[in-house]
Amino acid sequence: MSMLPPFASSGIDDLDEALSGLLWGDNVVLRDLGDTDAAIGRLEQVIELAPDNKAALENLGNLLIEQGQTQRGQELLDQAAALPDGGG
């Protein structure tokens, strides 16, 4: 098992580029395909790497609320709201 971050083996050199790919590319496609669990997993990966990523917190919070996990979703939305715009 590799100890490298998931994006290191993909040839992506920039963490921001990797996070953007996880957040905007895969998340949108997975959610649109109905694979909400996979989209949630990707957003959790982004938050693990960048805990102050406001967009990831907001997107995950909204997805969790849609899935009935209201308390956790609202906690993430509150956490995102406490961050300055552009956090992450």
N, C-alpha and C. Protein backbone atom coordinates (compact mmCIF):
# COMPACT_ATOMS: atom_id res chain seq x y z
N MET A 1 0.84 -1.18 0.00
CA MET A 1 0.00 0.00 0.00
C MET A 1 0.88 1.24 0.00
N SER A 2 0.62 2.15 -0.90
CA SER A 2 1.40 3.37 -1.02
C SER A 2 1.08 4.34 0.11
N MET A 3 2.10 5.03 0.58
CA MET A 3 1.91 6.04 1.61
C MET A 3 1.71 7.43 1.00
N LEU A 4 1.69 7.50 -0.32
CA LEU A 4 1.51 8.78 -0.98
C LEU A 4 0.04 9.19 -0.94
N PRO A 5 -0.22 10.51 -0.91
CA PRO A 5 -1.62 10.95 -0.99
C PRO A 5 -2.23 10.46 -2.30
N PRO A 6 -3.56 10.32 -2.35
CA PRO A 6 -4.21 9.77 -3.54
C PRO A 6 -3.88 10.49 -4.83
N PHE A 7 -3.63 11.80 -4.78
CA PHE A 7 -3.37 12.54 -6.00
C PHE A 7 -1.93 12.43 -6.46
N ALA A 8 -1.01 11.97 -5.58
CA ALA A 8 0.40 11.92 -5.93
C ALA A 8 0.68 10.94 -7.06
N SER A 9 0.00 9.83 -7.10
CA SER A 9 0.24 8.84 -8.13
C SER A 9 -0.44 9.19 -9.45
N SER A 10 -1.26 10.23 -9.45
CA SER A 10 -1.99 10.58 -10.67
C SER A 10 -1.25 11.58 -11.54
N GLY A 11 -0.08 12.03 -11.10
CA GLY A 11 0.67 13.01 -11.86
C GLY A 11 0.27 14.43 -11.58
N ILE A 12 -0.61 14.65 -10.64
CA ILE A 12 -1.02 16.01 -10.28
C ILE A 12 -0.02 16.54 -9.26
N ASP A 13 0.61 17.66 -9.57
CA ASP A 13 1.64 18.21 -8.71
C ASP A 13 1.10 19.22 -7.70
N ASP A 14 -0.04 19.76 -7.95
CA ASP A 14 -0.57 20.85 -7.15
C ASP A 14 -1.74 20.38 -6.31
N LEU A 15 -1.66 20.54 -4.99
CA LEU A 15 -2.73 20.11 -4.10
C LEU A 15 -4.04 20.79 -4.44
N ASP A 16 -4.00 22.09 -4.74
CA ASP A 16 -5.23 22.80 -5.10
C ASP A 16 -5.88 22.19 -6.33
N GLU A 17 -5.07 21.81 -7.31
CA GLU A 17 -5.61 21.18 -8.52
C GLU A 17 -6.26 19.85 -8.17
N ALA A 18 -5.63 19.10 -7.30
CA ALA A 18 -6.19 17.81 -6.88
C ALA A 18 -7.50 18.00 -6.15
N LEU A 19 -7.53 18.95 -5.24
CA LEU A 19 -8.75 19.21 -4.48
C LEU A 19 -9.87 19.69 -5.39
N SER A 20 -9.53 20.54 -6.35
CA SER A 20 -10.54 21.01 -7.29
C SER A 20 -11.12 19.86 -8.08
N GLY A 21 -10.27 18.93 -8.49
CA GLY A 21 -10.74 17.77 -9.22
C GLY A 21 -11.68 16.92 -8.38
N LEU A 22 -11.31 16.70 -7.13
CA LEU A 22 -12.17 15.92 -6.24
C LEU A 22 -13.48 16.64 -5.98
N LEU A 23 -13.40 17.94 -5.76
CA LEU A 23 -14.60 18.68 -5.37
C LEU A 23 -15.53 18.93 -6.54
N TRP A 24 -15.02 19.44 -7.63
CA TRP A 24 -15.89 19.88 -8.72
C TRP A 24 -16.11 18.83 -9.78
N GLY A 25 -15.10 18.06 -10.13
CA GLY A 25 -15.25 17.08 -11.19
C GLY A 25 -16.00 15.84 -10.75
N ASP A 26 -15.36 15.05 -9.93
CA ASP A 26 -15.93 13.78 -9.52
C ASP A 26 -17.24 13.96 -8.76
N ASN A 27 -17.29 14.93 -7.87
CA ASN A 27 -18.49 15.11 -7.04
C ASN A 27 -19.72 15.37 -7.90
N VAL A 28 -19.59 16.26 -8.85
CA VAL A 28 -20.73 16.60 -9.71
C VAL A 28 -21.15 15.39 -10.53
N VAL A 29 -20.19 14.70 -11.13
CA VAL A 29 -20.51 13.54 -11.95
C VAL A 29 -21.14 12.44 -11.11
N LEU A 30 -20.54 12.13 -9.97
CA LEU A 30 -21.07 11.06 -9.12
C LEU A 30 -22.47 11.39 -8.64
N ARG A 31 -22.68 12.61 -8.23
CA ARG A 31 -24.01 12.99 -7.74
C ARG A 31 -25.03 12.94 -8.88
N ASP A 32 -24.65 13.44 -10.04
CA ASP A 32 -25.57 13.42 -11.18
C ASP A 32 -25.91 12.00 -11.60
N LEU A 33 -24.99 11.07 -11.39
CA LEU A 33 -25.23 9.67 -11.73
C LEU A 33 -25.98 8.94 -10.63
N GLY A 34 -26.28 9.64 -9.55
CA GLY A 34 -27.02 9.02 -8.47
C GLY A 34 -26.16 8.30 -7.46
N ASP A 35 -24.84 8.45 -7.56
CA ASP A 35 -23.94 7.79 -6.62
C ASP A 35 -23.59 8.77 -5.51
N THR A 36 -24.58 9.08 -4.70
CA THR A 36 -24.42 10.07 -3.64
C THR A 36 -23.39 9.62 -2.61
N ASP A 37 -23.36 8.32 -2.31
CA ASP A 37 -22.39 7.82 -1.33
C ASP A 37 -20.95 8.09 -1.80
N ALA A 38 -20.69 7.88 -3.07
CA ALA A 38 -19.36 8.15 -3.60
C ALA A 38 -19.05 9.64 -3.58
N ALA A 39 -20.03 10.47 -3.90
CA ALA A 39 -19.83 11.92 -3.85
C ALA A 39 -19.52 12.35 -2.42
N ILE A 40 -20.24 11.79 -1.45
CA ILE A 40 -19.99 12.11 -0.04
C ILE A 40 -18.57 11.68 0.34
N GLY A 41 -18.15 10.51 -0.11
CA GLY A 41 -16.80 10.04 0.17
C GLY A 41 -15.74 10.96 -0.39
N ARG A 42 -15.95 11.44 -1.61
CA ARG A 42 -14.99 12.37 -2.23
C ARG A 42 -14.92 13.68 -1.44
N LEU A 43 -16.07 14.20 -1.06
CA LEU A 43 -16.07 15.45 -0.29
C LEU A 43 -15.39 15.25 1.06
N GLU A 44 -15.59 14.10 1.68
CA GLU A 44 -14.90 13.82 2.94
C GLU A 44 -13.39 13.77 2.74
N GLN A 45 -12.93 13.26 1.59
CA GLN A 45 -11.50 13.27 1.28
C GLN A 45 -10.98 14.70 1.17
N VAL A 46 -11.73 15.55 0.49
CA VAL A 46 -11.32 16.95 0.35
C VAL A 46 -11.21 17.59 1.72
N ILE A 47 -12.19 17.38 2.57
CA ILE A 47 -12.20 18.00 3.90
C ILE A 47 -11.07 17.45 4.77
N GLU A 48 -10.73 16.19 4.59
CA GLU A 48 -9.61 15.62 5.33
C GLU A 48 -8.31 16.32 4.95
N LEU A 49 -8.14 16.62 3.65
CA LEU A 49 -6.94 17.29 3.17
C LEU A 49 -6.96 18.79 3.41
N ALA A 50 -8.14 19.38 3.41
CA ALA A 50 -8.28 20.83 3.56
C ALA A 50 -9.52 21.12 4.42
N PRO A 51 -9.37 21.02 5.74
CA PRO A 51 -10.52 21.14 6.63
C PRO A 51 -11.24 22.49 6.57
N ASP A 52 -10.60 23.51 6.03
CA ASP A 52 -11.22 24.82 5.92
C ASP A 52 -11.71 25.12 4.51
N ASN A 53 -11.94 24.09 3.72
CA ASN A 53 -12.44 24.28 2.36
C ASN A 53 -13.95 24.52 2.44
N LYS A 54 -14.30 25.79 2.35
CA LYS A 54 -15.69 26.22 2.56
C LYS A 54 -16.66 25.54 1.58
N ALA A 55 -16.29 25.47 0.32
CA ALA A 55 -17.17 24.87 -0.68
C ALA A 55 -17.40 23.39 -0.39
N ALA A 56 -16.36 22.68 0.01
CA ALA A 56 -16.51 21.25 0.33
C ALA A 56 -17.41 21.07 1.54
N LEU A 57 -17.23 21.89 2.56
CA LEU A 57 -18.07 21.81 3.76
C LEU A 57 -19.53 22.08 3.41
N GLU A 58 -19.76 23.10 2.60
CA GLU A 58 -21.13 23.43 2.20
C GLU A 58 -21.76 22.31 1.37
N ASN A 59 -21.01 21.81 0.39
CA ASN A 59 -21.55 20.75 -0.47
C ASN A 59 -21.83 19.48 0.32
N LEU A 60 -20.90 19.10 1.20
CA LEU A 60 -21.11 17.90 2.00
C LEU A 60 -22.28 18.11 2.96
N GLY A 61 -22.35 19.27 3.57
CA GLY A 61 -23.47 19.55 4.47
C GLY A 61 -24.80 19.44 3.77
N ASN A 62 -24.90 20.01 2.59
CA ASN A 62 -26.16 19.94 1.83
C ASN A 62 -26.49 18.51 1.41
N LEU A 63 -25.48 17.75 0.97
CA LEU A 63 -25.73 16.37 0.58
C LEU A 63 -26.20 15.54 1.77
N LEU A 64 -25.57 15.75 2.93
CA LEU A 64 -25.96 14.99 4.11
C LEU A 64 -27.39 15.31 4.53
N ILE A 65 -27.75 16.59 4.45
CA ILE A 65 -29.13 16.98 4.79
C ILE A 65 -30.10 16.30 3.83
N GLU A 66 -29.77 16.29 2.53
CA GLU A 66 -30.62 15.61 1.55
C GLU A 66 -30.76 14.12 1.86
N GLN A 67 -29.74 13.54 2.47
CA GLN A 67 -29.75 12.12 2.81
C GLN A 67 -30.35 11.83 4.18
N GLY A 68 -30.85 12.87 4.85
CA GLY A 68 -31.49 12.68 6.14
C GLY A 68 -30.57 12.80 7.34
N GLN A 69 -29.30 13.11 7.09
CA GLN A 69 -28.34 13.29 8.18
C GLN A 69 -28.30 14.78 8.55
N THR A 70 -29.43 15.26 9.03
CA THR A 70 -29.64 16.69 9.23
C THR A 70 -28.67 17.30 10.23
N GLN A 71 -28.47 16.65 11.36
CA GLN A 71 -27.62 17.24 12.40
C GLN A 71 -26.18 17.41 11.90
N ARG A 72 -25.60 16.35 11.34
CA ARG A 72 -24.22 16.45 10.85
C ARG A 72 -24.13 17.44 9.70
N GLY A 73 -25.12 17.41 8.81
CA GLY A 73 -25.12 18.34 7.69
C GLY A 73 -25.16 19.79 8.15
N GLN A 74 -26.01 20.07 9.13
CA GLN A 74 -26.11 21.44 9.64
C GLN A 74 -24.83 21.86 10.35
N GLU A 75 -24.18 20.94 11.05
CA GLU A 75 -22.91 21.25 11.71
C GLU A 75 -21.86 21.67 10.67
N LEU A 76 -21.82 20.96 9.54
CA LEU A 76 -20.86 21.32 8.49
C LEU A 76 -21.21 22.66 7.85
N LEU A 77 -22.50 22.92 7.65
CA LEU A 77 -22.91 24.21 7.11
C LEU A 77 -22.55 25.35 8.07
N ASP A 78 -22.74 25.12 9.36
CA ASP A 78 -22.37 26.14 10.37
C ASP A 78 -20.87 26.37 10.37
N GLN A 79 -20.10 25.27 10.24
CA GLN A 79 -18.64 25.38 10.19
C GLN A 79 -18.21 26.18 8.96
N ALA A 80 -18.85 25.92 7.83
CA ALA A 80 -18.53 26.66 6.60
C ALA A 80 -18.90 28.13 6.74
N ALA A 81 -20.04 28.41 7.36
CA ALA A 81 -20.49 29.79 7.51
C ALA A 81 -19.54 30.60 8.38
N ALA A 82 -18.86 29.94 9.29
CA ALA A 82 -17.92 30.63 10.17
C ALA A 82 -16.60 30.97 9.48
N LEU A 83 -16.37 30.41 8.30
CA LEU A 83 -15.13 30.67 7.56
C LEU A 83 -15.27 31.90 6.67
N PRO A 84 -14.16 32.60 6.46
CA PRO A 84 -14.23 33.72 5.51
C PRO A 84 -14.45 33.19 4.09
N ASP A 85 -15.01 34.02 3.23
CA ASP A 85 -15.19 33.62 1.84
C ASP A 85 -13.83 33.26 1.25
N GLY A 86 -13.81 32.21 0.42
CA GLY A 86 -12.56 31.78 -0.20
C GLY A 86 -11.75 30.85 0.67
N GLY A 87 -12.31 30.39 1.80
CA GLY A 87 -11.56 29.48 2.67
C GLY A 87 -11.27 28.18 1.99
N GLY A 88 -10.05 27.63 2.24
CA GLY A 88 -9.69 26.34 1.65
C GLY A 88 -8.68 26.51 0.65
